């Protein structure tokens, strides 16, 4: 089923500056629109910069078995620049910036509709675009972006509505939502990895091959309903279920989460763009120096080391803003 996606993390990340952004939403529309468009330009420039960086690394490490596929190949410099600046060629693990740059470009319209209480028009337009998306990620994934904006805009209203319900209804809803999430998470892992796990001969039981084949067959029939690119209805519903379950439990235990994991999550959440950029570099470079296969324990240690490396890089980040601001000023002038 493959419901998990690293791209969703970019969407549902917790921004520690939520209060600041909510205040900005009350600012004059022109000011808000200007900030959003500037953010769009920032993401656009970073997408270009990371693609060129990773394309250069691909040339330097050509032939390395750990290199991410899809490099530039043989192409002239001018053609490369044209394709990179028009998003015809995006390479590396910061590729989702291309979509967010476009989404942010149209976000002033969304803010205008939400400010004028036209949320139903906003959602209707987003759903209509999604129904025509096919496999176009720009048209499909804008729905998740729109739903995230809608929830962020009305978050306090949603929380107030839920808190006004009687405790039995709240408890029953939470138990139902949590149970469904746990069952579907386990099912996702079983159907995604169960067949190959059994096929490796972890069990000598006679029915193991048949069970492995049945799991793979079921997964093949389900995968089209949960494809991350076409974003079908079941994937959206499953994402909503998982998201709200995680959100509710974190909100209920927010103080404890901050106490024990705040040192990690707050740093990454308050610097989401830098975190995304740093993670893309670490994930791209690390496989270049690792063996093709490693055990589960080694994988865990490598993943932990990678997360800590990103955290350290973000916590002690150099000042990337000054050169980027100069690029933005130059882009605006031209």
Protein backbone atom coordinates (compact mmCIF):
# COMPACT_ATOMS: atom_id res chain seq x y z
CA UNK A 1 0.00 0.00 0.00
CA UNK A 2 2.90 2.34 0.67
CA UNK A 3 0.87 5.01 2.46
CA UNK A 4 3.86 6.72 4.03
CA UNK A 5 5.66 9.35 2.01
CA UNK A 6 8.49 11.66 2.92
CA UNK A 7 6.69 14.38 0.95
CA UNK A 8 3.80 14.37 3.44
CA UNK A 9 6.24 15.30 6.17
CA UNK A 10 6.83 18.59 4.38
CA UNK A 11 3.11 19.22 4.45
CA UNK A 12 2.18 18.27 8.01
CA UNK A 13 5.33 19.55 9.74
CA UNK A 14 4.72 21.52 12.93
CA UNK A 15 5.80 25.15 12.56
CA UNK A 16 6.75 26.58 15.96
CA UNK A 17 5.98 30.06 14.67
CA UNK A 18 2.27 29.34 14.16
CA UNK A 19 1.26 32.23 16.41
CA UNK A 20 3.41 34.61 14.39
CA UNK A 21 1.87 33.48 11.11
CA UNK A 22 -1.66 33.80 12.50
CA UNK A 23 -0.89 37.41 13.41
CA UNK A 24 0.43 38.00 9.91
CA UNK A 25 -2.87 36.75 8.51
CA UNK A 26 -4.55 39.69 10.21
CA UNK A 27 -2.21 42.12 8.46
CA UNK A 28 -3.34 44.01 5.32
CA UNK A 29 -3.91 41.64 2.41
CA UNK A 30 -1.28 43.35 0.29
CA UNK A 31 1.33 42.71 2.98
CA UNK A 32 0.32 39.05 3.35
CA UNK A 33 0.30 38.50 -0.42
CA UNK A 34 3.74 40.06 -0.72
CA UNK A 35 5.17 37.75 1.92
CA UNK A 36 3.61 34.69 0.28
CA UNK A 37 4.93 35.63 -3.16
CA UNK A 38 8.36 36.24 -1.68
CA UNK A 39 8.21 32.79 -0.12
CA UNK A 40 7.28 31.33 -3.49
CA UNK A 41 10.29 33.02 -5.07
CA UNK A 42 12.51 31.72 -2.26
CA UNK A 43 11.37 28.14 -2.84
CA UNK A 44 11.82 28.55 -6.60
CA UNK A 45 15.41 29.73 -6.19
CA UNK A 46 16.24 27.00 -3.71
CA UNK A 47 14.82 24.37 -6.07
CA UNK A 48 17.08 25.61 -8.84
CA UNK A 49 20.10 25.79 -6.55
CA UNK A 50 19.65 22.28 -5.12
CA UNK A 51 19.03 20.74 -8.55
CA UNK A 52 22.26 22.25 -9.89
CA UNK A 53 24.13 21.13 -6.77
CA UNK A 54 22.90 17.54 -7.00
CA UNK A 55 23.45 17.45 -10.77
CA UNK A 56 27.08 18.46 -10.18
CA UNK A 57 27.46 15.77 -7.49
CA UNK A 58 25.97 13.23 -9.92
CA UNK A 59 28.70 14.08 -12.43
CA UNK A 60 31.40 13.79 -9.75
CA UNK A 61 30.12 10.42 -8.49
CA UNK A 62 29.08 8.96 -11.86
CA UNK A 63 29.03 5.16 -11.70
CA UNK A 64 28.63 5.02 -7.92
CA UNK A 65 25.99 2.35 -7.12
CA UNK A 66 24.53 4.54 -4.37
CA UNK A 67 23.90 7.48 -6.69
CA UNK A 68 20.28 8.55 -7.14
CA UNK A 69 19.04 7.76 -10.63
CA UNK A 70 17.89 10.41 -13.07
CA UNK A 71 21.03 12.54 -13.53
CA UNK A 72 21.52 15.08 -16.30
CA UNK A 73 23.32 12.83 -18.81
CA UNK A 74 24.69 14.57 -21.89
CA UNK A 75 23.18 18.03 -22.21
CA UNK A 76 24.50 21.50 -23.02
CA UNK A 77 24.86 24.06 -20.26
CA UNK A 78 22.26 26.40 -21.77
CA UNK A 79 19.77 23.55 -22.17
CA UNK A 80 20.39 22.53 -18.57
CA UNK A 81 19.70 26.06 -17.29
CA UNK A 82 16.54 26.30 -19.38
CA UNK A 83 15.19 22.98 -18.17
CA UNK A 84 16.08 23.66 -14.54
CA UNK A 85 14.54 27.12 -14.45
CA UNK A 86 11.32 25.85 -16.06
CA UNK A 87 11.10 22.77 -13.80
CA UNK A 88 11.46 20.42 -16.77
CA UNK A 89 14.43 18.90 -14.95
CA UNK A 90 14.47 18.61 -11.15
CA UNK A 91 16.97 16.30 -9.50
CA UNK A 92 17.90 15.33 -5.97
CA UNK A 93 15.93 14.91 -2.75
CA UNK A 94 14.65 18.51 -2.54
CA UNK A 95 12.41 17.92 -5.55
CA UNK A 96 9.18 18.76 -3.74
CA UNK A 97 10.18 22.42 -3.62
CA UNK A 98 9.03 22.74 -7.23
CA UNK A 99 5.44 21.99 -6.20
CA UNK A 100 5.44 24.21 -3.15
CA UNK A 101 6.86 27.11 -5.14
CA UNK A 102 3.86 26.88 -7.47
CA UNK A 103 1.37 26.32 -4.64
CA UNK A 104 2.67 29.37 -2.78
CA UNK A 105 2.36 31.41 -5.97
CA UNK A 106 -1.41 30.91 -5.93
CA UNK A 107 -1.83 31.05 -2.14
CA UNK A 108 -2.75 34.78 -2.04
CA UNK A 109 -5.97 33.87 -3.87
CA UNK A 110 -6.66 31.18 -1.26
CA UNK A 111 -6.05 33.63 1.59
CA UNK A 112 -8.39 36.16 -0.03
CA UNK A 113 -11.17 33.57 -0.31
CA UNK A 114 -10.71 32.39 3.28
CA UNK A 115 -10.65 35.95 4.61
CA UNK A 116 -13.97 36.63 2.87
CA UNK A 117 -15.46 33.43 4.36
CA UNK A 118 -15.61 31.83 0.92
CA UNK A 119 -14.02 28.60 2.13
CA UNK A 120 -16.59 26.55 0.22
CA UNK A 121 -15.52 28.22 -3.06
CA UNK A 122 -11.89 27.58 -2.16
CA UNK A 123 -12.49 23.87 -1.48
CA UNK A 124 -14.77 23.46 -4.51
CA UNK A 125 -12.09 24.86 -6.81
CA UNK A 126 -9.42 22.67 -5.24
CA UNK A 127 -11.52 19.51 -5.50
CA UNK A 128 -12.47 20.33 -9.10
CA UNK A 129 -8.79 20.70 -10.03
CA UNK A 130 -7.98 17.45 -8.21
CA UNK A 131 -10.63 15.52 -10.18
CA UNK A 132 -8.90 16.58 -13.39
CA UNK A 133 -5.37 15.85 -12.17
CA UNK A 134 -4.77 12.32 -13.46
CA UNK A 135 -1.09 11.71 -12.69
CA UNK A 136 -0.19 15.42 -12.65
CA UNK A 137 1.28 16.01 -9.19
CA UNK A 138 0.82 19.79 -9.42
CA UNK A 139 -2.93 19.40 -9.91
CA UNK A 140 -3.31 16.49 -7.50
CA UNK A 141 -1.18 17.49 -4.54
CA UNK A 142 -2.60 21.02 -4.42
CA UNK A 143 -5.59 19.41 -2.67
CA UNK A 144 -3.41 18.44 0.31
CA UNK A 145 -1.93 21.93 0.33
CA UNK A 146 -5.44 23.42 0.27
CA UNK A 147 -6.72 21.17 3.04
CA UNK A 148 -3.69 22.08 5.14
CA UNK A 149 -4.35 25.80 4.61
CA UNK A 150 -8.02 25.36 5.45
CA UNK A 151 -7.27 23.49 8.67
CA UNK A 152 -4.57 25.97 9.66
CA UNK A 153 -6.92 28.91 9.05
CA UNK A 154 -9.80 27.40 11.05
CA UNK A 155 -7.77 25.34 13.51
CA UNK A 156 -8.96 27.18 16.62
CA UNK A 157 -12.58 26.91 15.46
CA UNK A 158 -12.23 23.16 14.87
CA UNK A 159 -10.64 22.62 18.29
CA UNK A 160 -13.33 24.70 19.99
CA UNK A 161 -16.10 22.73 18.27
CA UNK A 162 -14.60 19.42 19.38
CA UNK A 163 -14.03 20.61 22.96
CA UNK A 164 -17.71 21.64 23.19
CA UNK A 165 -18.89 18.08 22.56
CA UNK A 166 -19.67 15.80 25.50
CA UNK A 167 -16.81 13.73 26.88
CA UNK A 168 -18.35 10.39 25.85
CA UNK A 169 -18.55 11.48 22.23
CA UNK A 170 -14.97 12.81 22.33
CA UNK A 171 -13.66 9.60 23.90
CA UNK A 172 -15.57 7.35 21.49
CA UNK A 173 -14.39 9.35 18.49
CA UNK A 174 -10.77 9.25 19.64
CA UNK A 175 -10.86 5.50 20.33
CA UNK A 176 -12.45 4.81 16.94
CA UNK A 177 -10.01 7.05 15.07
CA UNK A 178 -6.97 5.67 16.90
CA UNK A 179 -8.04 2.04 16.44
CA UNK A 180 -8.65 2.52 12.73
CA UNK A 181 -5.28 4.24 12.35
CA UNK A 182 -3.40 1.46 14.16
CA UNK A 183 -5.10 -1.24 12.12
CA UNK A 184 -4.41 0.49 8.80
CA UNK A 185 -0.80 1.27 9.72
CA UNK A 186 -0.17 -2.39 10.54
CA UNK A 187 -1.98 -3.46 7.36
CA UNK A 188 0.15 -1.05 5.33
CA UNK A 189 3.36 -2.61 6.64
CA UNK A 190 2.08 -6.16 6.16
CA UNK A 191 0.95 -5.66 2.56
CA UNK A 192 3.99 -3.57 1.63
CA UNK A 193 6.74 -5.69 3.18
CA UNK A 194 5.10 -8.96 4.31
CA UNK A 195 5.37 -10.81 0.99
CA UNK A 196 9.08 -10.15 0.47
CA UNK A 197 9.77 -10.84 4.16
CA UNK A 198 8.20 -14.30 3.96
CA UNK A 199 9.80 -14.98 0.57
CA UNK A 200 13.24 -14.68 2.17
CA UNK A 201 12.60 -17.97 3.95
CA UNK A 202 12.08 -16.70 7.49
CA UNK A 203 9.63 -19.54 8.04
CA UNK A 204 9.77 -23.22 7.02
CA UNK A 205 6.00 -23.74 7.25
CA UNK A 206 4.43 -25.33 4.19
CA UNK A 207 1.89 -22.57 3.64
CA UNK A 208 4.50 -19.76 3.70
CA UNK A 209 4.96 -19.50 -0.11
CA UNK A 210 1.20 -19.39 -0.66
CA UNK A 211 0.79 -16.76 2.04
CA UNK A 212 3.61 -14.68 0.56
CA UNK A 213 2.01 -14.88 -2.88
CA UNK A 214 -1.41 -13.93 -1.46
CA UNK A 215 0.04 -10.87 0.32
CA UNK A 216 1.83 -9.71 -2.84
CA UNK A 217 -1.31 -10.23 -4.92
CA UNK A 218 -3.43 -8.25 -2.46
CA UNK A 219 -0.84 -5.48 -2.38
CA UNK A 220 -0.84 -5.30 -6.19
CA UNK A 221 -4.61 -4.87 -6.26
CA UNK A 222 -4.56 -2.24 -3.50
CA UNK A 223 -1.61 -0.15 -4.62
CA UNK A 224 -3.53 1.72 -7.33
CA UNK A 225 -5.97 2.95 -4.67
CA UNK A 226 -3.14 4.47 -2.63
CA UNK A 227 -0.76 5.76 -5.31
CA UNK A 228 1.10 8.83 -4.08
CA UNK A 229 1.29 10.54 -7.48
CA UNK A 230 -2.32 10.24 -8.65
CA UNK A 231 -3.56 10.73 -5.06
CA UNK A 232 -6.82 8.72 -5.26
CA UNK A 233 -9.68 9.15 -2.80
CA UNK A 234 -8.68 6.33 -0.44
CA UNK A 235 -5.19 7.75 0.02
CA UNK A 236 -6.61 11.18 0.87
CA UNK A 237 -9.02 9.66 3.40
CA UNK A 238 -6.26 7.54 4.92
CA UNK A 239 -3.95 10.53 5.13
CA UNK A 240 -6.66 12.53 6.89
CA UNK A 241 -7.23 9.72 9.37
CA UNK A 242 -3.53 9.32 10.16
CA UNK A 243 -2.94 13.06 10.32
CA UNK A 244 -5.77 13.84 12.76
CA UNK A 245 -4.93 10.86 14.96
CA UNK A 246 -1.33 12.04 15.28
CA UNK A 247 -2.40 15.67 15.70
CA UNK A 248 -4.90 14.91 18.47
CA UNK A 249 -2.51 12.75 20.47
CA UNK A 250 0.32 15.25 20.17
CA UNK A 251 -1.99 18.09 21.23
CA UNK A 252 -3.24 16.08 24.20
CA UNK A 253 0.32 15.38 25.34
CA UNK A 254 2.03 18.46 23.93
CA UNK A 255 3.76 19.35 27.19
CA UNK A 256 5.25 15.88 27.54
CA UNK A 257 6.32 15.81 23.89
CA UNK A 258 8.07 19.15 24.30
CA UNK A 259 9.70 18.04 27.52
CA UNK A 260 11.28 14.90 26.09
CA UNK A 261 11.51 15.57 22.34
CA UNK A 262 11.31 19.34 22.12
CA UNK A 263 15.10 19.64 21.81
CA UNK A 264 14.78 17.84 18.46
CA UNK A 265 11.31 18.67 17.13
CA UNK A 266 11.30 22.38 17.97
CA UNK A 267 14.60 23.01 16.23
CA UNK A 268 13.48 21.15 13.10
CA UNK A 269 9.94 22.56 13.13
CA UNK A 270 10.97 26.19 13.51
CA UNK A 271 13.43 25.86 10.66
CA UNK A 272 11.38 23.70 8.32
CA UNK A 273 12.87 24.88 5.02
CA UNK A 274 16.44 24.59 6.30
CA UNK A 275 15.61 21.15 7.71
CA UNK A 276 14.25 20.04 4.34
CA UNK A 277 17.32 21.32 2.50
CA UNK A 278 19.74 19.75 4.98
CA UNK A 279 17.93 16.42 4.90
CA UNK A 280 18.09 16.38 1.10
CA UNK A 281 21.87 16.77 1.20
CA UNK A 282 22.35 14.09 3.87
CA UNK A 283 20.04 11.58 2.15
CA UNK A 284 21.74 12.19 -1.21
CA UNK A 285 25.33 11.90 0.01
CA UNK A 286 25.02 9.11 2.60
CA UNK A 287 24.26 6.23 0.17
CA UNK A 288 27.36 7.12 -1.84
CA UNK A 289 29.52 5.81 1.01
CA UNK A 290 27.41 2.91 2.27
CA UNK A 291 27.30 -0.72 1.18
CA UNK A 292 24.41 -1.79 -1.03
CA UNK A 293 22.77 -3.86 1.72
CA UNK A 294 22.81 -3.50 5.50
CA UNK A 295 20.96 -5.23 8.34
CA UNK A 296 18.05 -3.80 10.29
CA UNK A 297 20.21 -2.81 13.26
CA UNK A 298 22.75 -1.04 11.05
CA UNK A 299 19.89 0.66 9.18
CA UNK A 300 18.50 1.94 12.47
CA UNK A 301 21.88 3.30 13.53
CA UNK A 302 22.42 4.95 10.14
CA UNK A 303 18.96 6.54 10.22
CA UNK A 304 19.50 7.81 13.75
CA UNK A 305 22.88 9.24 12.79
CA UNK A 306 21.34 10.92 9.73
CA UNK A 307 18.58 12.56 11.80
CA UNK A 308 21.11 13.80 14.36
CA UNK A 309 23.34 15.09 11.56
CA UNK A 310 20.42 17.09 10.14
CA UNK A 311 19.56 18.37 13.63
CA UNK A 312 23.14 19.50 14.26
CA UNK A 313 23.34 21.16 10.85
CA UNK A 314 20.08 23.04 11.44
CA UNK A 315 20.88 23.97 15.03
CA UNK A 316 24.26 25.40 14.01
CA UNK A 317 23.24 26.45 10.52
CA UNK A 318 25.30 29.04 8.67
CA UNK A 319 23.55 32.16 7.48
CA UNK A 320 22.00 31.11 4.18
CA UNK A 321 19.59 34.05 4.13
CA UNK A 322 21.97 36.77 2.98
CA UNK A 323 22.96 35.22 -0.39
CA UNK A 324 19.38 34.10 -0.99
CA UNK A 325 18.04 37.58 -0.28
CA UNK A 326 20.48 38.99 -2.83
CA UNK A 327 19.24 36.46 -5.41
CA UNK A 328 15.64 37.43 -4.65
CA UNK A 329 16.39 41.13 -5.02
CA UNK A 330 18.14 40.45 -8.34
CA UNK A 331 15.20 38.32 -9.56
CA UNK A 332 12.70 41.04 -8.62
CA UNK A 333 14.70 43.73 -10.40
CA UNK A 334 14.97 41.70 -13.59
